[in-house]
Amino acid sequence: MITVIDGPAGSGKSSTARAVADKVQIEYLDSGALYRAVTLLYIEANCNQDAFFQLLDQKIISFRYRNRQFHIAIDGRPVTDRVRNPEVADVVSEVAAIPRVRQYINELMRQAVHDGAYIAEGRDLGTAVFPNADLKFYMSADVEERARRRYEERKAANPKLTLDEVRQNIEQRDFKDANRAADPLKKAEDAIEIDTTNLDFEEQVDLICSHISDLLDN
């Protein structure tokens, strides 16, 4: 069984998906972390696409969800912390827009969910990766609220960060995601839309858990 959550940056997809996975005891699949892992290889190849694809063909990306964290490794070497570095964040949208990269990550995720029950979050899961998903959700929120959340998450690690910088980054990411040629961000026609602007965290988690529990009980 696969449940997917799509939506723009800062809408609460990742934290919600992890909480749902823990609450209903299913596996969590973090598509964003996979794109960030591939971006590490892109940076290692000095942003040269030919060298990057040669590297991608040689490397093995593995992952697992344990102790409420999505662990990721390249050739057995843990990169869970490195994929969150600012240099990765600066170019991940560029790498994620490359059609060959999307094909690679999509296949990686499809192979992972052959057995068991999973919840995954991203931007095109319900439309491109898992069009036949058992449940689809699309989470959204006002851009000001999304910027505030992302700022609260990052300000401790980056004291010089400003709310305006975060807002601009989110707006730029929204534009790139919605206008990329390969699998742009959009709501699947059969997705359940959840506007989280005025919902607290537990409310949005409970809403999705109720749908999953109903499906598992039938």
Protein backbone atom coordinates (compact mmCIF):
# COMPACT_ATOMS: atom_id res chain seq x y z
CA MET A 1 0.00 0.00 0.00
CA ILE A 2 1.29 3.46 -0.85
CA THR A 3 -0.06 6.78 0.42
CA VAL A 4 1.38 9.95 -1.12
CA ILE A 5 1.44 13.57 -0.01
CA ASP A 6 2.30 16.25 -2.56
CA GLY A 7 2.56 19.98 -2.08
CA PRO A 8 4.83 23.03 -2.25
CA ALA A 9 7.82 23.78 -0.02
CA GLY A 10 6.95 24.52 3.60
CA SER A 11 3.43 23.08 3.46
CA GLY A 12 4.27 20.56 6.18
CA LYS A 13 4.59 17.43 4.05
CA SER A 14 7.74 15.96 5.58
CA SER A 15 6.94 16.41 9.27
CA THR A 16 3.36 15.27 8.71
CA ALA A 17 4.37 12.18 6.74
CA ARG A 18 6.86 11.14 9.42
CA ALA A 19 4.30 11.61 12.18
CA VAL A 20 1.70 9.63 10.24
CA ALA A 21 4.20 6.82 9.60
CA ASP A 22 4.94 6.58 13.32
CA LYS A 23 1.30 6.77 14.37
CA VAL A 24 -0.07 4.09 12.05
CA GLN A 25 3.22 2.13 11.96
CA ILE A 26 4.02 2.21 8.25
CA GLU A 27 7.25 3.01 6.40
CA TYR A 28 8.19 6.58 5.45
CA LEU A 29 9.81 7.44 2.11
CA ASP A 30 11.43 10.89 1.80
CA SER A 31 11.68 11.76 -1.91
CA GLY A 32 13.28 15.12 -1.12
CA ALA A 33 16.17 13.43 0.68
CA LEU A 34 16.75 11.20 -2.34
CA TYR A 35 16.97 14.23 -4.63
CA ARG A 36 19.35 15.85 -2.18
CA ALA A 37 21.54 12.74 -2.15
CA VAL A 38 21.75 12.83 -5.94
CA THR A 39 22.58 16.53 -5.70
CA LEU A 40 25.60 15.66 -3.56
CA LEU A 41 26.90 13.63 -6.49
CA TYR A 42 26.17 16.54 -8.83
CA ILE A 43 28.27 18.83 -6.64
CA GLU A 44 31.00 16.17 -6.42
CA ALA A 45 31.06 16.16 -10.24
CA ASN A 46 31.59 19.96 -10.20
CA CYS A 47 28.10 20.45 -11.66
CA ASN A 48 29.18 18.86 -14.94
CA GLN A 49 26.30 16.74 -16.24
CA ASP A 50 28.39 14.23 -18.16
CA ALA A 51 30.62 13.55 -15.15
CA PHE A 52 27.58 13.55 -12.89
CA PHE A 53 25.73 10.85 -14.85
CA GLN A 54 28.85 8.70 -14.96
CA LEU A 55 29.03 9.00 -11.18
CA LEU A 56 25.33 8.28 -10.78
CA ASP A 57 25.66 5.07 -12.78
CA GLN A 58 28.48 3.90 -10.51
CA LYS A 59 26.97 4.70 -7.11
CA ILE A 60 24.40 2.83 -5.01
CA ILE A 61 21.95 4.94 -3.02
CA SER A 62 20.36 3.13 -0.08
CA PHE A 63 17.89 4.32 2.53
CA ARG A 64 15.76 3.28 5.48
CA TYR A 65 13.44 4.87 8.03
CA ARG A 66 14.46 4.12 11.60
CA ASN A 67 14.03 5.91 14.94
CA ARG A 68 11.95 8.68 13.35
CA GLN A 69 14.67 9.60 10.88
CA PHE A 70 15.10 8.87 7.17
CA HIS A 71 18.65 7.55 6.87
CA ILE A 72 20.36 7.71 3.50
CA ALA A 73 23.75 6.43 2.30
CA ILE A 74 25.82 6.43 -0.88
CA ASP A 75 27.84 3.24 -1.37
CA GLY A 76 27.20 2.48 2.30
CA ARG A 77 28.56 5.86 3.44
CA PRO A 78 26.00 7.79 5.57
CA VAL A 79 25.05 11.18 4.11
CA THR A 80 21.92 11.88 6.16
CA ASP A 81 23.33 15.08 7.65
CA ARG A 82 25.18 16.24 4.53
CA VAL A 83 22.06 16.28 2.34
CA ARG A 84 20.72 19.16 4.47
CA ASN A 85 23.73 21.40 3.86
CA PRO A 86 23.02 24.86 2.35
CA GLU A 87 25.15 24.13 -0.73
CA VAL A 88 22.82 21.24 -1.53
CA ALA A 89 19.72 23.36 -0.95
CA ASP A 90 21.04 25.97 -3.38
CA VAL A 91 21.10 23.60 -6.38
CA VAL A 92 18.69 20.75 -5.58
CA SER A 93 15.84 22.31 -7.59
CA GLU A 94 18.18 22.59 -10.60
CA VAL A 95 19.15 18.93 -10.32
CA ALA A 96 15.58 17.79 -9.66
CA ALA A 97 14.45 19.44 -12.89
CA ILE A 98 16.70 17.18 -15.03
CA PRO A 99 14.44 14.53 -16.67
CA ARG A 100 17.02 11.75 -16.35
CA VAL A 101 17.40 12.46 -12.64
CA ARG A 102 13.63 12.32 -12.14
CA GLN A 103 13.47 8.99 -13.95
CA TYR A 104 16.24 7.62 -11.73
CA ILE A 105 14.61 8.73 -8.47
CA ASN A 106 11.14 7.64 -9.57
CA GLU A 107 12.36 4.13 -10.30
CA LEU A 108 14.24 4.03 -7.00
CA MET A 109 11.04 4.82 -5.13
CA ARG A 110 8.89 2.41 -7.12
CA GLN A 111 11.29 -0.43 -6.35
CA ALA A 112 11.19 0.42 -2.64
CA VAL A 113 7.41 0.07 -2.21
CA HIS A 114 6.89 -3.36 -3.75
CA ASP A 115 6.20 -4.85 -0.33
CA GLY A 116 4.64 -3.39 2.81
CA ALA A 117 2.77 -0.17 3.56
CA TYR A 118 4.43 3.19 2.86
CA ILE A 119 3.75 6.89 3.04
CA ALA A 120 5.81 9.15 0.76
CA GLU A 121 5.90 12.90 0.25
CA GLY A 122 7.08 15.06 -2.62
CA ARG A 123 5.85 17.27 -5.42
CA ASP A 124 4.77 14.92 -8.20
CA LEU A 125 4.16 11.60 -6.49
CA GLY A 126 0.44 11.43 -7.12
CA THR A 127 0.73 12.54 -10.73
CA ALA A 128 3.99 11.07 -12.07
CA VAL A 129 5.51 8.53 -9.69
CA PHE A 130 2.53 6.73 -8.15
CA PRO A 131 -0.52 7.65 -10.26
CA ASN A 132 -2.29 4.56 -8.89
CA ALA A 133 -1.51 5.27 -5.23
CA ASP A 134 -4.05 3.94 -2.73
CA LEU A 135 -4.43 7.40 -1.17
CA LYS A 136 -3.36 10.81 -2.43
CA PHE A 137 -3.18 14.05 -0.49
CA TYR A 138 -2.19 17.55 -1.58
CA MET A 139 -1.07 19.80 1.26
CA SER A 140 -0.99 23.56 0.79
CA ALA A 141 -0.67 26.69 2.92
CA ASP A 142 -0.42 30.44 2.49
CA VAL A 143 3.09 31.46 1.40
CA GLU A 144 3.52 33.68 4.47
CA GLU A 145 2.72 30.77 6.75
CA ARG A 146 5.03 28.43 4.85
CA ALA A 147 7.86 30.97 5.09
CA ARG A 148 7.29 31.40 8.83
CA ARG A 149 7.46 27.65 9.41
CA ARG A 150 10.61 27.19 7.37
CA TYR A 151 12.24 30.19 9.12
CA GLU A 152 11.44 28.74 12.56
CA GLU A 153 13.01 25.44 11.49
CA ARG A 154 16.25 26.99 10.26
CA LYS A 155 16.96 30.11 12.31
CA ALA A 156 18.75 28.29 15.15
CA ALA A 157 21.27 26.79 12.74
CA ASN A 158 21.58 30.02 10.73
CA PRO A 159 21.21 33.09 13.01
CA LYS A 160 21.76 35.49 10.08
CA LEU A 161 18.82 34.10 8.16
CA THR A 162 15.88 36.47 7.69
CA LEU A 163 12.20 35.78 7.12
CA ASP A 164 12.33 37.73 3.85
CA GLU A 165 15.13 35.50 2.56
CA VAL A 166 13.14 32.38 3.38
CA ARG A 167 10.02 33.79 1.72
CA GLN A 168 11.92 34.67 -1.44
CA ASN A 169 13.49 31.22 -1.53
CA ILE A 170 10.09 29.55 -1.23
CA GLU A 171 8.57 31.76 -3.93
CA GLN A 172 11.45 30.95 -6.29
CA ARG A 173 11.13 27.24 -5.52
CA ASP A 174 7.36 27.38 -6.14
CA PHE A 175 7.93 28.96 -9.54
CA LYS A 176 10.58 26.45 -10.56
CA ASP A 177 8.54 23.47 -9.36
CA ALA A 178 5.36 24.59 -11.11
CA ASN A 179 7.08 25.47 -14.39
CA ARG A 180 9.66 22.75 -14.88
CA ALA A 181 9.32 20.74 -18.08
CA ALA A 182 9.54 17.34 -16.38
CA ASP A 183 6.72 16.42 -13.99
CA PRO A 184 5.79 19.88 -12.66
CA LEU A 185 4.20 20.36 -9.26
CA LYS A 186 0.43 20.07 -9.50
CA LYS A 187 -2.45 18.55 -7.58
CA ALA A 188 -3.60 15.12 -8.79
CA GLU A 189 -7.25 15.20 -9.80
CA ASP A 190 -8.13 12.49 -7.28
CA ALA A 191 -6.07 13.91 -4.39
CA ILE A 192 -7.63 15.06 -1.14
CA GLU A 193 -6.59 18.68 -0.61
CA ILE A 194 -5.62 19.84 2.86
CA ASP A 195 -5.00 23.54 3.47
CA THR A 196 -2.82 23.61 6.59
CA THR A 197 -2.69 27.40 7.00
CA ASN A 198 -5.07 27.36 9.95
CA LEU A 199 -4.60 23.77 11.11
CA ASP A 200 -2.33 22.81 13.95
CA PHE A 201 0.07 19.94 13.46
CA GLU A 202 -1.94 17.29 15.29
CA GLU A 203 -5.08 18.16 13.33
CA GLN A 204 -3.44 17.58 9.96
CA VAL A 205 -1.78 14.37 11.16
CA ASP A 206 -5.04 12.99 12.57
CA LEU A 207 -6.91 13.85 9.37
CA ILE A 208 -4.55 11.79 7.21
CA CYS A 209 -4.32 8.97 9.76
CA SER A 210 -8.10 8.60 9.75
CA HIS A 211 -8.12 8.06 5.98
CA ILE A 212 -5.29 5.51 6.18
CA SER A 213 -6.89 3.65 9.07
CA ASP A 214 -10.17 3.39 7.17
CA LEU A 215 -8.30 1.94 4.18
CA LEU A 216 -6.32 -0.56 6.29
CA ASP A 217 -9.49 -1.71 8.06
CA ASN A 218 -11.28 -2.49 4.78
